[in-house]
C-alpha atoms as a PDB file:
ATOM      1  CA  MET A   1     106.586 101.367  84.562  1.00  0.00           C
ATOM      2  CA  SER A   2     105.334  99.517  87.334  1.00  0.00           C
ATOM      3  CA  LYS A   3     101.924  99.959  88.795  1.00  0.00           C
ATOM      4  CA  GLU A   4     101.599 101.669  91.849  1.00  0.00           C
ATOM      5  CA  ILE A   5      99.814  99.349  94.835  1.00  0.00           C
ATOM      6  CA  LEU A   6      97.688 100.876  97.353  1.00  0.00           C
ATOM      7  CA  PHE A   7      97.388  98.024  99.865  1.00  0.00           C
ATOM      8  CA  ILE A   8      94.227  98.719 102.618  1.00  0.00           C
ATOM      9  CA  ILE A   9      94.039  96.184 105.631  1.00  0.00           C
ATOM     10  CA  SER A  10      90.934  96.673 108.395  1.00  0.00           C
ATOM     11  CA  ASP A  11      91.223  94.658 111.590  1.00  0.00           C
ATOM     12  CA  GLN A  12      89.020  91.881 112.727  1.00  0.00           C
ATOM     13  CA  HIS A  13      86.701  92.341 109.564  1.00  0.00           C
ATOM     14  CA  ALA A  14      84.732  89.200 109.187  1.00  0.00           C
ATOM     15  CA  TYR A  15      84.109  88.245 105.710  1.00  0.00           C
ATOM     16  CA  LYS A  16      80.028  87.797 106.143  1.00  0.00           C
ATOM     17  CA  VAL A  17      80.597  91.782 107.458  1.00  0.00           C
ATOM     18  CA  GLN A  18      80.004  93.094 104.400  1.00  0.00           C
ATOM     19  CA  GLY A  19      77.507  93.980 101.772  1.00  0.00           C
ATOM     20  CA  ASN A  20      79.053  92.257  99.022  1.00  0.00           C
ATOM     21  CA  ALA A  21      79.315  89.140 100.972  1.00  0.00           C
ATOM     22  CA  GLY A  22      75.255  88.924 101.051  1.00  0.00           C
ATOM     23  CA  ASN A  23      74.941  90.850 104.233  1.00  0.00           C
ATOM     24  CA  THR A  24      71.566  92.979 104.494  1.00  0.00           C
ATOM     25  CA  LEU A  25      72.156  94.639 107.770  1.00  0.00           C
ATOM     26  CA  VAL A  26      75.668  96.179 107.603  1.00  0.00           C
ATOM     27  CA  GLY A  27      75.818  99.568 105.280  1.00  0.00           C
ATOM     28  CA  ASN A  28      79.344  99.733 103.265  1.00  0.00           C
ATOM     29  CA  PRO A  29      78.661 101.055  99.934  1.00  0.00           C
ATOM     30  CA  ASN A  30      82.194 102.288  99.281  1.00  0.00           C
ATOM     31  CA  LEU A  31      83.220  98.598  99.686  1.00  0.00           C
ATOM     32  CA  ASP A  32      80.606  96.865  97.709  1.00  0.00           C
ATOM     33  CA  ARG A  33      81.548  99.954  94.675  1.00  0.00           C
ATOM     34  CA  LEU A  34      85.052  98.603  95.068  1.00  0.00           C
ATOM     35  CA  ALA A  35      83.841  94.743  94.948  1.00  0.00           C
ATOM     36  CA  ALA A  36      81.510  95.492  91.865  1.00  0.00           C
ATOM     37  CA  ALA A  37      84.104  97.266  89.981  1.00  0.00           C
ATOM     38  CA  GLY A  38      86.707  95.013  90.521  1.00  0.00           C
ATOM     39  CA  THR A  39      87.692  91.287  91.731  1.00  0.00           C
ATOM     40  CA  VAL A  40      86.590  89.490  94.681  1.00  0.00           C
ATOM     41  CA  MET A  41      88.249  86.682  95.798  1.00  0.00           C
ATOM     42  CA  ARG A  42      85.709  84.437  97.520  1.00  0.00           C
ATOM     43  CA  ASN A  43      87.939  81.748  99.162  1.00  0.00           C
ATOM     44  CA  SER A  44      90.554  83.739 101.163  1.00  0.00           C
ATOM     45  CA  TYR A  45      91.275  82.478 104.430  1.00  0.00           C
ATOM     46  CA  ALA A  46      93.446  84.051 107.421  1.00  0.00           C
ATOM     47  CA  ALA A  47      96.318  81.317 108.182  1.00  0.00           C
ATOM     48  CA  CYS A  48      95.396  81.553 112.237  1.00  0.00           C
ATOM     49  CA  PRO A  49      92.585  83.293 113.850  1.00  0.00           C
ATOM     50  CA  LEU A  50      94.670  85.779 115.704  1.00  0.00           C
ATOM     51  CA  CYS A  51      96.241  89.007 114.766  1.00  0.00           C
ATOM     52  CA  VAL A  52      99.926  88.767 115.082  1.00  0.00           C
ATOM     53  CA  PRO A  53     100.406  85.036 113.670  1.00  0.00           C
ATOM     54  CA  SER A  54      97.804  85.601 110.759  1.00  0.00           C
ATOM     55  CA  ARG A  55      99.880  88.983 109.742  1.00  0.00           C
ATOM     56  CA  LEU A  56     103.067  87.514 109.930  1.00  0.00           C
ATOM     57  CA  SER A  57     102.013  84.619 107.811  1.00  0.00           C
ATOM     58  CA  MET A  58     100.762  87.102 105.276  1.00  0.00           C
ATOM     59  CA  LEU A  59     103.510  88.844 105.142  1.00  0.00           C
ATOM     60  CA  THR A  60     106.273  85.831 104.825  1.00  0.00           C
ATOM     61  CA  GLY A  61     104.067  83.019 102.851  1.00  0.00           C
ATOM     62  CA  GLN A  62     104.863  80.925 105.726  1.00  0.00           C
ATOM     63  CA  PHE A  63     102.817  79.419 108.293  1.00  0.00           C
ATOM     64  CA  PRO A  64     102.882  80.576 111.939  1.00  0.00           C
ATOM     65  CA  SER A  65     104.034  77.240 113.077  1.00  0.00           C
ATOM     66  CA  ARG A  66     106.790  77.482 110.954  1.00  0.00           C
ATOM     67  CA  LEU A  67     107.718  81.286 111.997  1.00  0.00           C
ATOM     68  CA  LYS A  68     107.033  80.114 116.059  1.00  0.00           C
ATOM     69  CA  ALA A  69     104.191  83.152 115.773  1.00  0.00           C
ATOM     70  CA  LEU A  70     101.428  81.509 117.821  1.00  0.00           C
ATOM     71  CA  THR A  71     100.918  84.485 119.808  1.00  0.00           C
ATOM     72  CA  ASN A  72      99.975  88.192 119.749  1.00  0.00           C
ATOM     73  CA  ASP A  73     103.405  88.592 121.784  1.00  0.00           C
ATOM     74  CA  ALA A  74     105.072  86.898 118.608  1.00  0.00           C
ATOM     75  CA  SER A  75     107.768  88.804 116.663  1.00  0.00           C
ATOM     76  CA  LEU A  76     109.028  88.088 113.562  1.00  0.00           C
ATOM     77  CA  ASP A  77     113.103  87.570 113.113  1.00  0.00           C
ATOM     78  CA  SER A  78     114.622  90.473 111.058  1.00  0.00           C
ATOM     79  CA  GLU A  79     116.355  87.915 109.184  1.00  0.00           C
ATOM     80  CA  ILE A  80     113.121  86.237 107.381  1.00  0.00           C
ATOM     81  CA  PRO A  81     112.383  87.931 104.362  1.00  0.00           C
ATOM     82  CA  THR A  82     108.758  89.524 103.472  1.00  0.00           C
ATOM     83  CA  PHE A  83     107.016  90.228 100.060  1.00  0.00           C
ATOM     84  CA  VAL A  84     107.700  93.981 101.289  1.00  0.00           C
ATOM     85  CA  HIS A  85     111.561  93.176 100.664  1.00  0.00           C
ATOM     86  CA  SER A  86     110.671  91.691  97.048  1.00  0.00           C
ATOM     87  CA  LEU A  87     108.864  94.570  96.456  1.00  0.00           C
ATOM     88  CA  ASN A  88     112.026  96.884  97.467  1.00  0.00           C
ATOM     89  CA  ALA A  89     113.979  94.577  95.049  1.00  0.00           C
ATOM     90  CA  GLY A  90     111.509  95.263  92.165  1.00  0.00           C
ATOM     91  CA  GLY A  91     112.217  98.837  92.358  1.00  0.00           C
ATOM     92  CA  TYR A  92     108.884 100.023  94.701  1.00  0.00           C
ATOM     93  CA  GLU A  93     109.432 102.476  97.007  1.00  0.00           C
ATOM     94  CA  THR A  94     107.466 100.825  99.851  1.00  0.00           C
ATOM     95  CA  THR A  95     105.621 102.804 102.736  1.00  0.00           C
ATOM     96  CA  LEU A  96     103.350 101.690 105.878  1.00  0.00           C
ATOM     97  CA  CYS A  97     101.020 103.863 107.223  1.00  0.00           C
ATOM     98  CA  GLY A  98      99.319 102.753 110.273  1.00  0.00           C
ATOM     99  CA  ARG A  99      98.637  99.191 112.019  1.00  0.00           C
ATOM    100  CA  MET A 100     100.718  95.940 111.298  1.00  0.00           C
ATOM    101  CA  HIS A 101     101.165  94.934 114.805  1.00  0.00           C
ATOM    102  CA  PHE A 102     105.109  94.294 114.497  1.00  0.00           C
ATOM    103  CA  VAL A 103     106.026  93.248 117.823  1.00  0.00           C
ATOM    104  CA  GLY A 104     109.963  94.171 118.877  1.00  0.00           C
ATOM    105  CA  PRO A 105     112.416  96.584 117.788  1.00  0.00           C
ATOM    106  CA  ASP A 106     111.835  95.892 114.021  1.00  0.00           C
ATOM    107  CA  GLN A 107     109.045  97.975 113.147  1.00  0.00           C
ATOM    108  CA  ARG A 108     109.450  97.594 109.353  1.00  0.00           C
ATOM    109  CA  HIS A 109     110.323  94.388 108.177  1.00  0.00           C
ATOM    110  CA  GLY A 110     111.301  95.822 104.921  1.00  0.00           C
ATOM    111  CA  PHE A 111     109.326  98.856 104.546  1.00  0.00           C
ATOM    112  CA  ILE A 112     111.487 101.855 103.767  1.00  0.00           C
ATOM    113  CA  LYS A 113     109.185 104.306 105.673  1.00  0.00           C
ATOM    114  CA  ARG A 114     106.367 104.793 108.096  1.00  0.00           C
ATOM    115  CA  LEU A 115     104.152 107.375 108.221  1.00  0.00           C
ATOM    116  CA  VAL A 116     102.417 106.416 111.270  1.00  0.00           C
ATOM    117  CA  GLY A 117     102.997 104.282 114.072  1.00  0.00           C
ATOM    118  CA  ASP A 118     100.703 101.371 115.503  1.00  0.00           C
ATOM    119  CA  ILE A 119      98.028 101.970 118.265  1.00  0.00           C
ATOM    120  CA  THR A 120      98.828  98.902 120.516  1.00  0.00           C
ATOM    121  CA  PRO A 121     102.371  97.845 122.333  1.00  0.00           C
ATOM    122  CA  THR A 122     104.736  97.141 120.105  1.00  0.00           C
ATOM    123  CA  THR A 123     107.373  95.790 123.317  1.00  0.00           C
ATOM    124  CA  TYR A 124     107.269  92.205 124.595  1.00  0.00           C
ATOM    125  CA  GLY A 125     105.567  90.841 127.732  1.00  0.00           C
ATOM    126  CA  ARG A 126     102.622  93.303 127.574  1.00  0.00           C
ATOM    127  CA  ARG A 127      99.793  92.950 130.208  1.00  0.00           C
ATOM    128  CA  GLN A 128      96.659  94.442 130.647  1.00  0.00           C
ATOM    129  CA  LYS A 129      95.247  95.222 133.941  1.00  0.00           C
ATOM    130  CA  LYS A 130      91.215  94.864 134.431  1.00  0.00           C
ATOM    131  CA  ILE A 131      90.436  98.432 134.326  1.00  0.00           C
ATOM    132  CA  ASP A 132      86.612  99.815 135.191  1.00  0.00           C
ATOM    133  CA  THR A 133      84.834 101.116 132.054  1.00  0.00           C
ATOM    134  CA  GLU A 134      84.877 104.788 133.835  1.00  0.00           C
ATOM    135  CA  ALA A 135      88.870 104.633 134.509  1.00  0.00           C
ATOM    136  CA  LEU A 136      89.750 105.701 131.046  1.00  0.00           C
ATOM    137  CA  PRO A 137      86.637 107.332 129.245  1.00  0.00           C
ATOM    138  CA  TRP A 138      88.701 108.006 126.135  1.00  0.00           C
ATOM    139  CA  ASN A 139      90.151 104.424 125.980  1.00  0.00           C
ATOM    140  CA  ARG A 140      87.094 102.949 126.964  1.00  0.00           C
ATOM    141  CA  GLY A 141      86.305  99.816 125.104  1.00  0.00           C
ATOM    142  CA  ARG A 142      89.639  98.805 124.137  1.00  0.00           C
ATOM    143  CA  ILE A 143      89.692  96.086 127.008  1.00  0.00           C
ATOM    144  CA  GLU A 144      88.141  93.264 125.645  1.00  0.00           C
ATOM    145  CA  HIS A 145      85.618  92.278 128.578  1.00  0.00           C
ATOM    146  CA  LEU A 146      84.312  95.908 128.544  1.00  0.00           C
ATOM    147  CA  ALA A 147      83.546  96.129 124.932  1.00  0.00           C
ATOM    148  CA  ILE A 148      79.923  95.436 125.160  1.00  0.00           C
ATOM    149  CA  ARG A 149      79.573  97.532 128.289  1.00  0.00           C
ATOM    150  CA  CYS A 150      80.774 100.324 126.025  1.00  0.00           C
ATOM    151  CA  MET A 151      78.859 100.173 123.137  1.00  0.00           C
ATOM    152  CA  GLY A 152      77.402 103.463 121.751  1.00  0.00           C
ATOM    153  CA  GLY A 153      77.749 106.401 120.021  1.00  0.00           C
ATOM    154  CA  GLY A 154      80.898 109.085 120.105  1.00  0.00           C
ATOM    155  CA  ASP A 155      84.612 108.860 119.455  1.00  0.00           C
ATOM    156  CA  SER A 156      87.327 106.695 120.584  1.00  0.00           C
ATOM    157  CA  THR A 157      90.888 106.113 120.213  1.00  0.00           C
ATOM    158  CA  VAL A 158      90.193 103.773 117.423  1.00  0.00           C
ATOM    159  CA  LEU A 159      88.359 106.155 115.500  1.00  0.00           C
ATOM    160  CA  ALA A 160      91.057 109.002 116.197  1.00  0.00           C
ATOM    161  CA  PHE A 161      93.473 106.228 115.134  1.00  0.00           C
ATOM    162  CA  ASP A 162      92.048 105.565 111.729  1.00  0.00           C
ATOM    163  CA  ARG A 163      91.516 109.178 110.930  1.00  0.00           C
ATOM    164  CA  ASP A 164      95.126 110.040 111.651  1.00  0.00           C
ATOM    165  CA  VAL A 165      96.528 107.097 109.517  1.00  0.00           C
ATOM    166  CA  THR A 166      93.595 108.135 106.530  1.00  0.00           C
ATOM    167  CA  ASP A 167      95.015 111.566 106.462  1.00  0.00           C
ATOM    168  CA  ALA A 168      98.128 110.760 106.281  1.00  0.00           C
ATOM    169  CA  ALA A 169      97.897 108.355 103.289  1.00  0.00           C
ATOM    170  CA  VAL A 170      95.554 110.863 101.589  1.00  0.00           C
ATOM    171  CA  ALA A 171      98.290 113.391 101.914  1.00  0.00           C
ATOM    172  CA  TYR A 172     101.078 110.859 100.652  1.00  0.00           C
ATOM    173  CA  LEU A 173      99.203 109.970  97.807  1.00  0.00           C
ATOM    174  CA  GLY A 174      99.126 113.519  96.765  1.00  0.00           C
ATOM    175  CA  GLU A 175     102.781 113.968  96.757  1.00  0.00           C
ATOM    176  CA  ASP A 176     105.294 113.791  93.958  1.00  0.00           C
ATOM    177  CA  HIS A 177     107.132 110.242  93.703  1.00  0.00           C
ATOM    178  CA  GLN A 178     109.899 109.215  91.697  1.00  0.00           C
ATOM    179  CA  ALA A 179     109.553 105.644  92.347  1.00  0.00           C
ATOM    180  CA  PRO A 180     106.526 103.371  91.798  1.00  0.00           C
ATOM    181  CA  GLN A 181     104.579 103.500  94.997  1.00  0.00           C
ATOM    182  CA  PHE A 182     103.353 100.445  97.483  1.00  0.00           C
ATOM    183  CA  LEU A 183     101.754 102.076 100.100  1.00  0.00           C
ATOM    184  CA  CYS A 184      99.974  99.797 103.003  1.00  0.00           C
ATOM    185  CA  VAL A 185      97.278 101.584 104.934  1.00  0.00           C
ATOM    186  CA  GLY A 186      96.964  99.759 108.123  1.00  0.00           C
ATOM    187  CA  LEU A 187      93.442 100.450 110.031  1.00  0.00           C
ATOM    188  CA  TYR A 188      92.281  99.172 113.391  1.00  0.00           C
ATOM    189  CA  ALA A 189      88.280  99.313 113.024  1.00  0.00           C
ATOM    190  CA  PRO A 190      86.108  97.486 113.076  1.00  0.00           C
ATOM    191  CA  HIS A 191      88.092  96.025 115.921  1.00  0.00           C
ATOM    192  CA  PHE A 192      86.406  96.865 119.198  1.00  0.00           C
ATOM    193  CA  PRO A 193      85.063  98.868 120.903  1.00  0.00           C
ATOM    194  CA  TYR A 194      82.287  99.163 119.027  1.00  0.00           C
ATOM    195  CA  ILE A 195      81.539 102.979 119.246  1.00  0.00           C
ATOM    196  CA  ALA A 196      80.324 104.698 116.054  1.00  0.00           C
ATOM    197  CA  PRO A 197      80.507 108.368 115.156  1.00  0.00           C
ATOM    198  CA  LYS A 198      77.772 109.938 116.848  1.00  0.00           C
ATOM    199  CA  GLU A 199      75.850 111.451 114.047  1.00  0.00           C
ATOM    200  CA  LEU A 200      75.470 108.036 112.774  1.00  0.00           C
ATOM    201  CA  PHE A 201      74.663 106.460 116.155  1.00  0.00           C
ATOM    202  CA  ASP A 202      72.002 109.207 116.706  1.00  0.00           C
ATOM    203  CA  VAL A 203      70.274 108.079 113.369  1.00  0.00           C
ATOM    204  CA  GLU A 204      67.282 106.586 114.603  1.00  0.00           C
ATOM    205  CA  ALA A 205      66.311 103.779 112.187  1.00  0.00           C
ATOM    206  CA  ASP A 206      65.819  99.928 112.105  1.00  0.00           C
ATOM    207  CA  PRO A 207      69.122  98.379 112.681  1.00  0.00           C
ATOM    208  CA  TRP A 208      67.837  95.624 110.195  1.00  0.00           C
ATOM    209  CA  GLU A 209      67.476  98.090 107.650  1.00  0.00           C
ATOM    210  CA  THR A 210      70.610 100.221 107.739  1.00  0.00           C
ATOM    211  CA  GLN A 211      71.923  99.185 104.425  1.00  0.00           C
ATOM    212  CA  ASN A 212      70.135 102.044 102.686  1.00  0.00           C
ATOM    213  CA  ARG A 213      70.174 104.718 105.458  1.00  0.00           C
ATOM    214  CA  PHE A 214      73.744 105.390 106.187  1.00  0.00           C
ATOM    215  CA  THR A 215      76.765 106.621 103.814  1.00  0.00           C
ATOM    216  CA  GLU A 216      80.005 105.194 104.940  1.00  0.00           C
ATOM    217  CA  SER A 217      82.285 107.403 106.849  1.00  0.00           C
ATOM    218  CA  PRO A 218      86.208 107.529 106.390  1.00  0.00           C
ATOM    219  CA  GLU A 219      86.419 104.531 109.249  1.00  0.00           C
ATOM    220  CA  ILE A 220      84.971 101.266 108.529  1.00  0.00           C
ATOM    221  CA  VAL A 221      81.635 101.387 110.272  1.00  0.00           C
ATOM    222  CA  SER A 222      80.459  97.755 109.872  1.00  0.00           C
ATOM    223  CA  MET A 223      80.370  97.980 114.030  1.00  0.00           C
ATOM    224  CA  LEU A 224      77.667 100.469 113.877  1.00  0.00           C
ATOM    225  CA  SER A 225      75.287  98.093 113.750  1.00  0.00           C
ATOM    226  CA  HIS A 226      76.103  96.854 116.756  1.00  0.00           C
ATOM    227  CA  ALA A 227      76.300 100.303 118.710  1.00  0.00           C
ATOM    228  CA  VAL A 228      72.638 100.994 116.914  1.00  0.00           C
ATOM    229  CA  ALA A 229      71.299  97.719 118.003  1.00  0.00           C
ATOM    230  CA  ALA A 230      72.486  98.266 121.651  1.00  0.00           C
ATOM    231  CA  LYS A 231      70.658 101.726 121.415  1.00  0.00           C
ATOM    232  CA  MET A 232      67.454 100.193 120.124  1.00  0.00           C
ATOM    233  CA  LYS A 233      67.452  97.581 122.921  1.00  0.00           C
ATOM    234  CA  ASP A 234      67.537  94.426 120.347  1.00  0.00           C
ATOM    235  CA  PRO A 235      69.491  91.891 122.044  1.00  0.00           C
ATOM    236  CA  ARG A 236      70.462  89.849 118.989  1.00  0.00           C
ATOM    237  CA  LEU A 237      73.935  91.656 118.235  1.00  0.00           C
ATOM    238  CA  VAL A 238      74.967  91.298 121.683  1.00  0.00           C
ATOM    239  CA  LEU A 239      73.647  87.989 121.490  1.00  0.00           C
ATOM    240  CA  ALA A 240      75.845  87.147 118.341  1.00  0.00           C
ATOM    241  CA  GLU A 241      79.121  89.069 119.756  1.00  0.00           C
ATOM    242  CA  LEU A 242      78.746  86.503 122.713  1.00  0.00           C
ATOM    243  CA  GLU A 243      78.665  83.630 120.408  1.00  0.00           C
ATOM    244  CA  ALA A 244      81.410  84.988 118.241  1.00  0.00           C
ATOM    245  CA  ARG A 245      83.684  85.301 121.586  1.00  0.00           C
ATOM    246  CA  ARG A 246      82.963  82.000 122.789  1.00  0.00           C
ATOM    247  CA  ALA A 247      83.898  80.512 119.279  1.00  0.00           C
ATOM    248  CA  ASN A 248      87.065  82.132 119.264  1.00  0.00           C
ATOM    249  CA  MET A 249      87.765  80.564 122.789  1.00  0.00           C
ATOM    250  CA  GLU A 250      87.151  77.478 121.208  1.00  0.00           C
ATOM    251  CA  ILE A 251      89.337  78.008 117.893  1.00  0.00           C
ATOM    252  CA  LEU A 252      92.371  78.765 120.361  1.00  0.00           C
ATOM    253  CA  SER A 253      91.651  75.428 122.328  1.00  0.00           C
ATOM    254  CA  GLN A 254      91.752  73.498 118.688  1.00  0.00           C
ATOM    255  CA  CYS A 255      94.718  75.563 117.953  1.00  0.00           C
ATOM    256  CA  ARG A 256      96.800  73.892 120.532  1.00  0.00           C
ATOM    257  CA  GLN A 257      95.429  70.540 119.678  1.00  0.00           C
ATOM    258  CA  ASP A 258      95.163  68.554 116.002  1.00  0.00           C
ATOM    259  CA  PRO A 259      91.822  69.342 114.732  1.00  0.00           C
ATOM    260  CA  LYS A 260      92.145  66.239 112.723  1.00  0.00           C
ATOM    261  CA  GLU A 261      92.949  64.015 115.365  1.00  0.00           C
ATOM    262  CA  GLU A 262      90.482  65.445 117.119  1.00  0.00           C
ATOM    263  CA  TRP A 263      87.565  65.022 114.789  1.00  0.00           C
ATOM    264  CA  GLN A 264      88.525  61.201 114.467  1.00  0.00           C
ATOM    265  CA  ALA A 265      88.226  60.899 118.009  1.00  0.00           C
ATOM    266  CA  ALA A 266      84.697  62.285 118.104  1.00  0.00           C
ATOM    267  CA  ALA A 267      83.676  60.336 114.976  1.00  0.00           C
ATOM    268  CA  GLY A 268      84.909  57.088 116.234  1.00  0.00           C
ATOM    269  CA  ALA A 269      86.775  56.266 112.826  1.00  0.00           C
ATOM    270  CA  ALA A 270      89.671  57.480 110.722  1.00  0.00           C
ATOM    271  CA  GLN A 271      88.014  59.721 108.595  1.00  0.00           C
ATOM    272  CA  ASP A 272      88.702  63.324 107.796  1.00  0.00           C
ATOM    273  CA  PRO A 273      86.360  66.237 108.753  1.00  0.00           C
ATOM    274  CA  PRO A 274      83.932  67.372 106.284  1.00  0.00           C
ATOM    275  CA  VAL A 275      85.301  70.682 106.456  1.00  0.00           C
ATOM    276  CA  PRO A 276      88.121  72.403 107.784  1.00  0.00           C
ATOM    277  CA  MET A 277      87.277  72.761 111.717  1.00  0.00           C
ATOM    278  CA  VAL A 278      87.772  76.681 111.509  1.00  0.00           C
ATOM    279  CA  ALA A 279      87.069  77.758 108.051  1.00  0.00           C
ATOM    280  CA  SER A 280      84.073  80.240 108.648  1.00  0.00           C
ATOM    281  CA  LYS A 281      86.070  81.841 111.141  1.00  0.00           C
ATOM    282  CA  ILE A 282      89.073  82.421 109.408  1.00  0.00           C
ATOM    283  CA  ARG A 283      87.655  83.471 106.036  1.00  0.00           C
ATOM    284  CA  VAL A 284      88.458  87.388 105.264  1.00  0.00           C
ATOM    285  CA  SER A 285      87.517  90.014 102.829  1.00  0.00           C
ATOM    286  CA  PHE A 286      89.949  90.165 100.098  1.00  0.00           C
ATOM    287  CA  LEU A 287      89.007  92.675  97.120  1.00  0.00           C
END
């Protein structure tokens, strides 16, 4: 009988933000145990530093440029097969629980079942208004330019969404199934806002020694380090976030050009760049 597959995907989870990658700040013992007991792919890279193009590339095995998916408003033609269709043909019952950032009327692209919908809009032409931090307290920090101002302890739509997704996945795994299962669990954290559960945020600890002080909550809490650092008035993580945002804008600019030609123009010679231009920004955790 085919082996059952549980595929868990987090969002905006950088490779370096995990203990098994050598990070001494973030405490994620469960992920570290998975890494120790299983296999860690140390050279895994996303096809694009944007959510939708990267996910569609993963599902189809095609580059975003071939799929004409270059922004987060892109959608996948329903006639293009995904690896989920192949699993269906192989006898699996395929289920999506939570986030996949599909845009458009087709919200499955091969999945037979869907237990929980997405947390972000699924329609075309989305536009976010520049709202104030106090306009939607429950939804605070979901707007990118407000994320840092809203860091702290408490609850958010992101944590609530991930709790619902986790509960639904656990309940489904506890049911009896006739066919072998492929369950994809899509979580939204550690995507901003950087709001940690209050009981963790309130722990008075050196933010640079948290790996031995915290236990992992059901949510992925790598954003905890950001929240604790903000409370301790440690500017280092805030500066790191600002630097990451600046780097992301540079990546988007590079994606609109030819990185190799840009490098050659800067070097003044027809030579290849020594390393991929965006390698460190698209490296992902794959356990």
